[in-house]
Amino acid sequence: MAIEQNLVPELKLQKIEIAGFIREVFSYISRFKGQLFILKIEDSLMDHPLFPVLIRDISLLHKLGIKVLIVPGTRKSIDRQLKAWEIESEFNEGVRLTSEEALPLVEQASLGAAQRIMSHLTASGCHGIQGNWVSARSLGVIDGVDYMRTGKIDRIQKDILTHLLDEEYIPILPPIGWNKLGHAYNISSTELATELCKYIEVGKLFFIGNECGIKAEGLKTGSMTSNLALTDSGLISALDIDQANEILRLNPQLEYAQVDYLENAIAACKAGAKRVHLISGEMPGSVLQEVFSSRGDGTMVYANQYSQIRQANVDDIPDILRIMQDYIAKGFLIQRTSESILEKLQDYVVYAIDNAIHGCGALHAFEDNCAEVAAIAVAANYRKAGIGEAVVHHLIELGKMRGYKKLFLLTTQAPDWFYNFGFRTGTVDDLPPSKKAKYNTKRNSRVLIMEL
């Protein structure tokens, strides 16, 4: 019987988490329907046993009404083809120097990679289409290095791509461009995926390969990156472009692949992409997790406001009550009603991710130039995302800005957590008179205080 009683709260929490996840998925489906996702998929994944699963998940996005365009990475395919013909390939700063002899094999490998993706799309019930929609010109000679038949993008035929997308095709663009004379050039697939963001409005750009994301361990951080949210596996969950630039500046030891991702993510955001994601195609469901959850399994770079703490409004009250409910059931917070929250709504703040509410808190003013930090709660699915910490830090700064001399809070379960912010143990006598008069001796909450 005791075991069953212990399981009840745990099962209840699981149901809350599942309901929260379903609610979140529906909100993202409606938000992304009709948007364009560009996916650069490394060909190193094509021999992985989960590659058909990855393409099936991408097909599911398309069937939900999301427009999809794919750029295949081709480095491994080209290396394999050149090796078979015993042709060596040189690189300069990560760029392949493509000789006249190598070019036909480069074309064959690139088109072959695109064809493999198209075959898997067909098997998943979608219509892929491959074409030559990129104009290019020679990179020429730079600092004495002749890039031969390696080129750069001149123009992309936006009208054709837009028409195909509207007709529910999935365009596949191999990284080969042609000049006006019909001469082919080998171009960077990463550059192609990024350049597309200048031509077409892009909701998300994905770089899908063997890299999971940017690992936080060992990174030097600065003023903008000292409190980044991490995934459960220790990856940086999200960065704005200023934070991404700071990571690059402070960490010259980063691997080329990660530097390349961050630099192109910044460029894509500046070109108009709303979100740029680095995820592993070797993790089952990684694309779906990244699309339909505020916290995926990779690293995201964004240009526009992704997460923010703002003052609550009337429409937020149901979400505030929802988030608090589990804390109230466990006795961590006292019961609140819509009416009690509305009465002091100007005191409440919410943590929003993509306009979905995942955390809340309040700062209630009292006499003696004091204020109470209260109602700290985080949605069940996001309690390891640093949201609670961000809300408390925000309220402390808000207290300083408003000129309060002292902050206090009452807690039954989390004194050690609040100590990390600089709160210290106080007594009931440290409370302002009106709060002291209403102190619930039966609840016997601990009093913590902070001098500002």
Protein backbone atom coordinates (compact mmCIF):
# COMPACT_ATOMS: atom_id res chain seq x y z
CA MET A 1 0.00 0.00 0.00
CA ALA A 2 2.85 2.38 0.87
CA ILE A 3 4.50 1.63 -2.47
CA GLU A 4 1.26 2.43 -4.33
CA GLN A 5 0.90 5.73 -2.45
CA ASN A 6 4.46 6.68 -3.37
CA LEU A 7 3.77 5.95 -7.05
CA VAL A 8 0.71 8.21 -7.24
CA PRO A 9 2.54 11.59 -7.27
CA GLU A 10 5.08 10.23 -9.76
CA LEU A 11 2.38 8.98 -12.13
CA LYS A 12 0.55 12.27 -11.78
CA LEU A 13 3.70 14.18 -12.72
CA GLN A 14 4.18 11.93 -15.77
CA LYS A 15 0.62 12.69 -16.89
CA ILE A 16 1.23 16.41 -16.43
CA GLU A 17 4.42 16.16 -18.51
CA ILE A 18 2.67 14.17 -21.28
CA ALA A 19 -0.23 16.63 -21.41
CA GLY A 20 2.22 19.53 -21.51
CA PHE A 21 4.15 17.91 -24.36
CA ILE A 22 0.99 17.25 -26.40
CA ARG A 23 -0.15 20.83 -25.85
CA GLU A 24 3.23 22.08 -27.02
CA VAL A 25 3.25 19.89 -30.15
CA PHE A 26 -0.15 21.22 -31.24
CA SER A 27 1.00 24.81 -30.76
CA TYR A 28 4.09 24.21 -32.91
CA ILE A 29 2.15 22.44 -35.69
CA SER A 30 -0.15 25.45 -36.09
CA ARG A 31 2.80 27.86 -35.90
CA PHE A 32 4.98 26.14 -38.51
CA LYS A 33 2.34 25.08 -41.03
CA GLY A 34 3.16 26.75 -44.35
CA GLN A 35 6.68 27.76 -43.29
CA LEU A 36 9.79 26.63 -45.16
CA PHE A 37 12.40 24.41 -43.52
CA ILE A 38 15.75 24.01 -45.30
CA LEU A 39 17.68 20.90 -44.32
CA LYS A 40 21.34 20.36 -45.16
CA ILE A 41 21.90 16.62 -44.66
CA GLU A 42 25.44 15.26 -44.56
CA ASP A 43 26.01 12.29 -46.85
CA SER A 44 28.00 10.63 -44.04
CA LEU A 45 24.58 9.72 -42.60
CA MET A 46 23.39 7.85 -45.69
CA ASP A 47 24.97 4.56 -44.68
CA HIS A 48 23.70 4.83 -41.10
CA PRO A 49 20.93 2.34 -40.22
CA LEU A 50 18.72 5.21 -38.97
CA PHE A 51 18.92 7.24 -42.19
CA PRO A 52 15.55 5.93 -43.48
CA VAL A 53 14.03 6.96 -40.12
CA LEU A 54 15.45 10.48 -40.52
CA ILE A 55 13.93 10.83 -44.01
CA ARG A 56 10.63 9.40 -42.78
CA ASP A 57 10.53 12.05 -40.02
CA ILE A 58 11.27 14.76 -42.58
CA SER A 59 8.45 13.38 -44.74
CA LEU A 60 6.14 13.61 -41.74
CA LEU A 61 6.94 17.32 -41.41
CA HIS A 62 6.03 17.76 -45.07
CA LYS A 63 2.75 15.90 -44.64
CA LEU A 64 1.87 18.20 -41.71
CA GLY A 65 1.98 21.17 -44.08
CA ILE A 66 5.57 22.32 -43.56
CA LYS A 67 7.44 23.12 -46.79
CA VAL A 68 10.76 21.28 -47.07
CA LEU A 69 13.85 21.90 -49.21
CA ILE A 70 16.92 19.65 -48.95
CA VAL A 71 20.58 20.34 -49.69
CA PRO A 72 22.72 17.18 -49.55
CA GLY A 73 26.21 17.40 -48.14
CA THR A 74 28.52 15.54 -50.52
CA ARG A 75 32.04 15.51 -49.07
CA LYS A 76 32.11 11.80 -48.20
CA SER A 77 30.58 10.78 -51.55
CA ILE A 78 33.12 12.87 -53.46
CA ASP A 79 36.03 11.52 -51.41
CA ARG A 80 34.89 7.96 -52.11
CA GLN A 81 34.49 8.59 -55.84
CA LEU A 82 37.87 10.28 -56.22
CA LYS A 83 39.57 7.53 -54.24
CA ALA A 84 38.06 4.89 -56.52
CA TRP A 85 39.67 6.65 -59.50
CA GLU A 86 42.91 7.28 -57.59
CA ILE A 87 42.57 11.05 -57.85
CA GLU A 88 43.89 13.07 -54.93
CA SER A 89 42.04 16.13 -53.70
CA GLU A 90 43.61 19.10 -51.92
CA PHE A 91 41.93 21.49 -49.50
CA ASN A 92 42.65 25.08 -48.52
CA GLU A 93 41.02 26.32 -45.29
CA GLY A 94 38.38 23.62 -45.57
CA VAL A 95 37.59 24.30 -49.25
CA ARG A 96 38.23 21.59 -51.87
CA LEU A 97 40.38 22.55 -54.84
CA THR A 98 38.47 20.91 -57.71
CA SER A 99 40.55 20.05 -60.77
CA GLU A 100 39.24 19.60 -64.33
CA GLU A 101 39.99 15.90 -64.01
CA ALA A 102 38.03 15.61 -60.75
CA LEU A 103 34.99 17.66 -61.76
CA PRO A 104 32.99 14.94 -63.63
CA LEU A 105 33.44 12.61 -60.65
CA VAL A 106 32.41 15.41 -58.25
CA GLU A 107 29.24 15.96 -60.29
CA GLN A 108 28.49 12.24 -60.35
CA ALA A 109 28.95 11.92 -56.58
CA SER A 110 26.81 15.00 -55.83
CA LEU A 111 23.97 13.95 -58.07
CA GLY A 112 24.17 10.43 -56.65
CA ALA A 113 23.76 11.74 -53.08
CA ALA A 114 20.71 13.74 -54.14
CA GLN A 115 19.25 10.69 -55.87
CA ARG A 116 19.59 8.57 -52.71
CA ILE A 117 17.64 11.14 -50.70
CA MET A 118 14.96 11.30 -53.42
CA SER A 119 14.57 7.51 -53.36
CA HIS A 120 13.97 7.52 -49.60
CA LEU A 121 11.46 10.38 -49.93
CA THR A 122 9.56 8.37 -52.55
CA ALA A 123 9.52 5.36 -50.21
CA SER A 124 8.00 7.62 -47.52
CA GLY A 125 5.23 8.81 -49.84
CA CYS A 126 6.63 12.22 -50.79
CA HIS A 127 7.64 13.69 -54.15
CA GLY A 128 11.23 14.87 -54.31
CA ILE A 129 12.53 16.67 -57.36
CA GLN A 130 16.14 17.35 -58.30
CA GLY A 131 17.25 20.16 -60.60
CA ASN A 132 19.86 22.68 -61.71
CA TRP A 133 18.65 25.93 -60.19
CA VAL A 134 21.95 27.48 -59.08
CA SER A 135 24.11 29.83 -61.15
CA ALA A 136 27.76 29.95 -60.11
CA ARG A 137 31.11 31.44 -61.06
CA SER A 138 34.71 30.49 -60.41
CA LEU A 139 36.33 31.31 -57.08
CA GLY A 140 39.40 32.04 -59.17
CA VAL A 141 42.81 32.59 -57.58
CA ILE A 142 42.87 33.87 -54.00
CA ASP A 143 46.15 34.69 -52.24
CA GLY A 144 48.00 32.67 -54.87
CA VAL A 145 45.76 29.59 -54.52
CA ASP A 146 43.97 28.49 -57.71
CA TYR A 147 40.58 26.98 -56.83
CA MET A 148 40.17 25.73 -60.43
CA ARG A 149 36.60 24.34 -60.82
CA THR A 150 35.47 25.23 -57.30
CA GLY A 151 32.96 28.04 -57.50
CA LYS A 152 30.73 30.37 -55.53
CA ILE A 153 27.04 31.08 -55.90
CA ASP A 154 25.98 33.85 -58.27
CA ARG A 155 22.21 33.46 -58.25
CA ILE A 156 19.47 31.01 -57.25
CA GLN A 157 16.30 30.65 -59.33
CA LYS A 158 13.82 31.58 -56.65
CA ASP A 159 10.71 31.58 -58.88
CA ILE A 160 11.11 27.92 -59.87
CA LEU A 161 11.75 26.81 -56.28
CA THR A 162 8.77 28.78 -54.99
CA HIS A 163 6.52 27.20 -57.61
CA LEU A 164 7.72 23.68 -56.76
CA LEU A 165 7.22 24.27 -53.04
CA ASP A 166 3.69 25.59 -53.65
CA GLU A 167 2.98 22.44 -55.68
CA GLU A 168 4.02 20.34 -52.63
CA TYR A 169 7.25 19.01 -54.11
CA ILE A 170 10.42 18.70 -52.02
CA PRO A 171 13.22 20.31 -54.08
CA ILE A 172 16.66 18.73 -53.68
CA LEU A 173 19.58 20.99 -54.61
CA PRO A 174 22.92 19.20 -55.10
CA PRO A 175 25.86 21.59 -54.54
CA ILE A 176 26.71 22.03 -58.22
CA GLY A 177 26.33 25.36 -60.00
CA TRP A 178 26.55 26.33 -63.69
CA ASN A 179 27.68 29.50 -65.41
CA LYS A 180 26.06 31.07 -68.49
CA LEU A 181 28.21 28.94 -70.79
CA GLY A 182 27.02 25.73 -69.13
CA HIS A 183 30.29 25.08 -67.28
CA ALA A 184 29.82 23.33 -63.93
CA TYR A 185 31.39 24.33 -60.63
CA ASN A 186 31.68 22.48 -57.34
CA ILE A 187 30.16 24.68 -54.61
CA SER A 188 29.87 24.37 -50.86
CA SER A 189 26.65 22.70 -49.70
CA THR A 190 26.84 24.69 -46.46
CA GLU A 191 27.16 27.93 -48.42
CA LEU A 192 24.24 26.87 -50.63
CA ALA A 193 21.97 26.15 -47.64
CA THR A 194 22.91 29.50 -46.09
CA GLU A 195 22.60 31.48 -49.34
CA LEU A 196 19.06 30.17 -49.89
CA CYS A 197 17.99 32.19 -46.84
CA LYS A 198 18.65 35.38 -48.83
CA TYR A 199 16.24 34.34 -51.57
CA ILE A 200 13.35 32.67 -49.77
CA GLU A 201 11.70 33.32 -46.42
CA VAL A 202 12.95 30.52 -44.15
CA GLY A 203 11.42 29.46 -40.84
CA LYS A 204 14.21 27.04 -39.91
CA LEU A 205 17.55 25.99 -41.34
CA PHE A 206 18.92 22.63 -40.18
CA PHE A 207 22.49 21.38 -40.40
CA ILE A 208 22.06 17.62 -39.87
CA GLY A 209 25.19 15.52 -39.54
CA ASN A 210 27.24 13.57 -37.02
CA GLU A 211 27.69 16.57 -34.70
CA CYS A 212 25.12 16.78 -31.90
CA GLY A 213 25.68 20.47 -31.17
CA ILE A 214 28.08 22.78 -29.36
CA LYS A 215 29.35 21.20 -26.13
CA ALA A 216 29.55 23.55 -23.15
CA GLU A 217 32.32 21.63 -21.40
CA GLY A 218 35.68 23.37 -21.72
CA LEU A 219 34.27 26.49 -23.39
CA LYS A 220 35.33 29.92 -22.22
CA THR A 221 32.34 32.18 -21.62
CA GLY A 222 31.92 35.92 -21.28
CA SER A 223 29.36 38.42 -20.08
CA MET A 224 26.76 37.32 -22.66
CA THR A 225 27.32 33.57 -22.39
CA SER A 226 27.89 32.86 -18.69
CA ASN A 227 24.30 31.63 -18.04
CA LEU A 228 23.38 29.67 -21.16
CA ALA A 229 20.72 26.97 -20.94
CA LEU A 230 22.09 23.45 -21.52
CA THR A 231 20.47 20.25 -22.73
CA ASP A 232 20.51 17.12 -20.55
CA SER A 233 23.58 15.96 -22.49
CA GLY A 234 25.57 19.14 -21.79
CA LEU A 235 25.08 20.89 -25.13
CA ILE A 236 24.33 24.59 -25.45
CA SER A 237 20.60 24.63 -26.15
CA ALA A 238 20.24 28.07 -27.71
CA LEU A 239 22.32 31.13 -28.60
CA ASP A 240 21.46 34.45 -30.13
CA ILE A 241 23.86 35.72 -32.79
CA ASP A 242 25.70 38.01 -30.34
CA GLN A 243 26.29 35.08 -27.98
CA ALA A 244 27.44 32.91 -30.91
CA ASN A 245 29.95 35.60 -31.88
CA GLU A 246 31.24 35.71 -28.30
CA ILE A 247 31.72 31.92 -28.25
CA LEU A 248 33.71 32.15 -31.50
CA ARG A 249 35.83 35.04 -30.21
CA LEU A 250 36.67 33.42 -26.87
CA ASN A 251 37.23 29.87 -28.16
CA PRO A 252 39.70 29.77 -31.07
CA GLN A 253 40.31 26.09 -30.25
CA LEU A 254 36.85 25.04 -31.51
CA GLU A 255 36.85 22.32 -34.16
CA TYR A 256 36.47 23.46 -37.78
CA ALA A 257 33.00 21.87 -38.09
CA GLN A 258 31.67 23.80 -35.10
CA VAL A 259 33.25 27.07 -36.20
CA ASP A 260 31.79 26.53 -39.68
CA TYR A 261 28.34 25.89 -38.22
CA LEU A 262 28.36 28.95 -35.96
CA GLU A 263 29.68 31.28 -38.67
CA ASN A 264 27.10 30.06 -41.20
CA ALA A 265 24.32 30.11 -38.60
CA ILE A 266 25.10 33.77 -37.89
CA ALA A 267 25.19 34.51 -41.63
CA ALA A 268 21.87 32.68 -42.20
CA CYS A 269 20.16 34.58 -39.36
CA LYS A 270 21.40 37.87 -40.77
CA ALA A 271 20.13 36.77 -44.19
CA GLY A 272 16.65 36.20 -42.79
CA ALA A 273 16.43 32.69 -41.27
CA LYS A 274 14.53 32.77 -38.00
CA ARG A 275 16.24 29.74 -36.45
CA VAL A 276 19.33 27.70 -37.36
CA HIS A 277 19.77 24.26 -35.78
CA LEU A 278 22.75 21.91 -35.50
CA ILE A 279 21.57 18.37 -34.73
CA SER A 280 22.76 14.81 -35.09
CA GLY A 281 21.07 12.61 -37.67
CA GLU A 282 22.26 9.57 -35.72
CA MET A 283 19.79 10.24 -32.89
CA PRO A 284 16.31 8.80 -33.54
CA GLY A 285 13.67 11.51 -33.67
CA SER A 286 16.15 14.39 -33.41
CA VAL A 287 14.42 16.49 -36.08
CA LEU A 288 10.97 16.05 -34.55
CA GLN A 289 12.32 16.79 -31.07
CA GLU A 290 13.96 19.97 -32.33
CA VAL A 291 10.84 21.14 -34.18
CA PHE A 292 8.12 20.27 -31.68
CA SER A 293 9.86 21.09 -28.42
CA SER A 294 11.35 24.30 -27.04
CA ARG A 295 14.31 22.21 -25.88
CA GLY A 296 15.62 19.82 -28.51
CA ASP A 297 18.74 17.68 -28.63
CA GLY A 298 20.96 20.11 -30.52
CA THR A 299 22.17 23.71 -30.56
CA MET A 300 20.07 26.51 -32.02
CA VAL A 301 21.19 29.97 -33.11
CA TYR A 302 18.53 32.64 -33.50
CA ALA A 303 18.32 36.26 -34.60
CA ASN A 304 14.91 37.33 -33.32
CA GLN A 305 13.70 37.14 -29.74
CA TYR A 306 13.35 33.45 -28.88
CA SER A 307 12.92 33.45 -25.11
CA GLN A 308 12.08 36.36 -22.88
CA ILE A 309 10.93 37.28 -19.40
CA ARG A 310 8.13 39.81 -19.53
CA GLN A 311 5.32 41.16 -17.39
CA ALA A 312 2.33 38.87 -17.31
CA ASN A 313 -0.96 39.81 -18.92
CA VAL A 314 -4.53 38.57 -18.48
CA ASP A 315 -4.16 35.93 -21.20
CA ASP A 316 -1.28 34.35 -19.25
CA ILE A 317 -3.33 33.55 -16.13
CA PRO A 318 -4.47 30.04 -17.23
CA ASP A 319 -0.84 29.12 -17.99
CA ILE A 320 0.37 30.51 -14.66
CA LEU A 321 -2.22 28.40 -12.83
CA ARG A 322 -1.30 25.33 -14.91
CA ILE A 323 2.41 25.68 -14.16
CA MET A 324 1.79 26.23 -10.44
CA GLN A 325 -0.59 23.31 -9.99
CA ASP A 326 2.04 20.61 -9.44
CA TYR A 327 3.89 22.81 -6.90
CA ILE A 328 0.63 23.49 -5.06
CA ALA A 329 -0.25 19.77 -4.98
CA LYS A 330 3.14 19.01 -3.42
CA GLY A 331 2.82 21.78 -0.85
CA PHE A 332 5.65 23.88 -2.30
CA LEU A 333 3.34 26.81 -3.09
CA ILE A 334 0.12 28.03 -1.50
CA GLN A 335 -3.12 27.82 -3.47
CA ARG A 336 -3.85 30.70 -5.83
CA THR A 337 -6.93 31.50 -7.90
CA SER A 338 -7.49 33.41 -11.12
CA GLU A 339 -8.95 36.25 -9.05
CA SER A 340 -5.97 36.46 -6.66
CA ILE A 341 -3.51 36.50 -9.56
CA LEU A 342 -5.55 39.09 -11.47
CA GLU A 343 -5.62 41.32 -8.39
CA LYS A 344 -1.80 41.51 -8.37
CA LEU A 345 -1.16 40.80 -12.04
CA GLN A 346 1.27 43.72 -12.35
CA ASP A 347 3.57 41.87 -9.89
CA TYR A 348 3.85 38.72 -12.05
CA VAL A 349 6.37 37.92 -14.76
CA VAL A 350 6.39 34.97 -17.16
CA TYR A 351 9.17 33.17 -19.04
CA ALA A 352 8.05 32.70 -22.64
CA ILE A 353 9.69 30.49 -25.27
CA ASP A 354 8.36 31.09 -28.78
CA ASN A 355 5.37 32.78 -27.08
CA ALA A 356 4.59 29.63 -25.01
CA ILE A 357 4.67 30.16 -21.22
CA HIS A 358 7.04 27.82 -19.34
CA GLY A 359 7.81 29.66 -16.09
CA CYS A 360 6.55 32.39 -13.79
CA GLY A 361 7.32 34.39 -10.68
CA ALA A 362 6.20 37.47 -8.79
CA LEU A 363 7.65 40.41 -6.87
CA HIS A 364 5.16 41.79 -4.33
CA ALA A 365 5.87 45.19 -2.78
CA PHE A 366 5.59 45.70 1.01
CA GLU A 367 6.19 48.52 3.47
CA ASP A 368 9.66 49.38 4.79
CA ASN A 369 10.95 49.39 1.19
CA CYS A 370 10.80 45.58 1.05
CA ALA A 371 9.53 43.16 -1.60
CA GLU A 372 8.67 39.47 -1.60
CA VAL A 373 9.94 37.03 -4.24
CA ALA A 374 7.06 34.60 -4.72
CA ALA A 375 5.24 32.16 -7.02
CA ILE A 376 8.39 30.74 -8.63
CA ALA A 377 7.27 27.83 -10.81
CA VAL A 378 8.46 26.07 -13.98
CA ALA A 379 6.53 23.77 -16.33
CA ALA A 380 7.26 20.09 -15.66
CA ASN A 381 9.06 19.49 -18.98
CA TYR A 382 11.49 22.40 -18.46
CA ARG A 383 12.77 22.12 -14.90
CA LYS A 384 16.35 21.46 -15.98
CA ALA A 385 16.47 24.29 -18.51
CA GLY A 386 17.58 27.10 -16.18
CA ILE A 387 14.20 28.85 -16.41
CA GLY A 388 13.67 29.10 -12.65
CA GLU A 389 17.13 30.56 -12.19
CA ALA A 390 16.51 33.10 -14.95
CA VAL A 391 13.21 34.22 -13.36
CA VAL A 392 14.77 34.66 -9.90
CA HIS A 393 17.73 36.61 -11.33
CA HIS A 394 15.25 38.81 -13.19
CA LEU A 395 13.22 39.52 -10.04
CA ILE A 396 16.37 40.37 -8.07
CA GLU A 397 17.44 42.86 -10.77
CA LEU A 398 13.90 44.23 -10.86
CA GLY A 399 14.05 44.75 -7.10
CA LYS A 400 17.33 46.67 -7.45
CA MET A 401 15.93 48.78 -10.28
CA ARG A 402 12.87 49.71 -8.18
CA GLY A 403 15.10 50.75 -5.29
CA TYR A 404 14.05 48.17 -2.68
CA LYS A 405 16.42 47.80 0.23
CA LYS A 406 15.56 44.19 1.04
CA LEU A 407 14.00 41.15 -0.61
CA PHE A 408 12.49 38.25 1.30
CA LEU A 409 10.79 34.95 0.51
CA LEU A 410 9.08 32.09 2.30
CA THR A 411 9.91 28.49 1.39
CA THR A 412 9.29 25.04 2.82
CA GLN A 413 11.34 22.90 0.42
CA ALA A 414 13.93 24.93 -1.46
CA PRO A 415 16.13 26.99 0.90
CA ASP A 416 19.36 25.52 -0.48
CA TRP A 417 18.35 26.42 -4.03
CA PHE A 418 17.72 30.04 -3.05
CA TYR A 419 21.03 30.26 -1.18
CA ASN A 420 22.74 30.08 -4.58
CA PHE A 421 21.32 33.50 -5.45
CA GLY A 422 22.66 35.17 -2.32
CA PHE A 423 19.68 34.79 0.01
CA ARG A 424 20.46 33.99 3.65
CA THR A 425 18.44 32.53 6.50
CA GLY A 426 16.33 35.05 8.39
CA THR A 427 13.56 34.97 10.99
CA VAL A 428 9.91 35.94 11.13
CA ASP A 429 11.04 39.19 12.77
CA ASP A 430 12.81 40.13 9.52
CA LEU A 431 9.45 40.28 7.70
CA PRO A 432 7.67 43.61 7.17
CA PRO A 433 4.85 44.10 9.73
CA SER A 434 1.92 43.32 7.40
CA LYS A 435 3.54 40.08 6.22
CA LYS A 436 4.58 39.12 9.75
CA ALA A 437 0.97 39.54 10.94
CA LYS A 438 -0.22 37.02 8.34
CA TYR A 439 2.61 34.51 8.82
CA ASN A 440 1.19 30.95 8.85
CA THR A 441 2.75 29.29 11.90
CA LYS A 442 1.16 25.96 10.95
CA ARG A 443 2.92 25.99 7.56
CA ASN A 444 6.12 27.08 9.36
CA SER A 445 7.89 28.29 6.21
CA ARG A 446 11.53 29.27 6.42
CA VAL A 447 12.29 32.95 5.95
CA LEU A 448 15.11 33.92 3.60
CA ILE A 449 16.28 37.49 3.08
CA MET A 450 18.60 39.41 0.77
CA GLU A 451 19.92 42.92 1.37
CA LEU A 452 20.12 44.96 -1.83
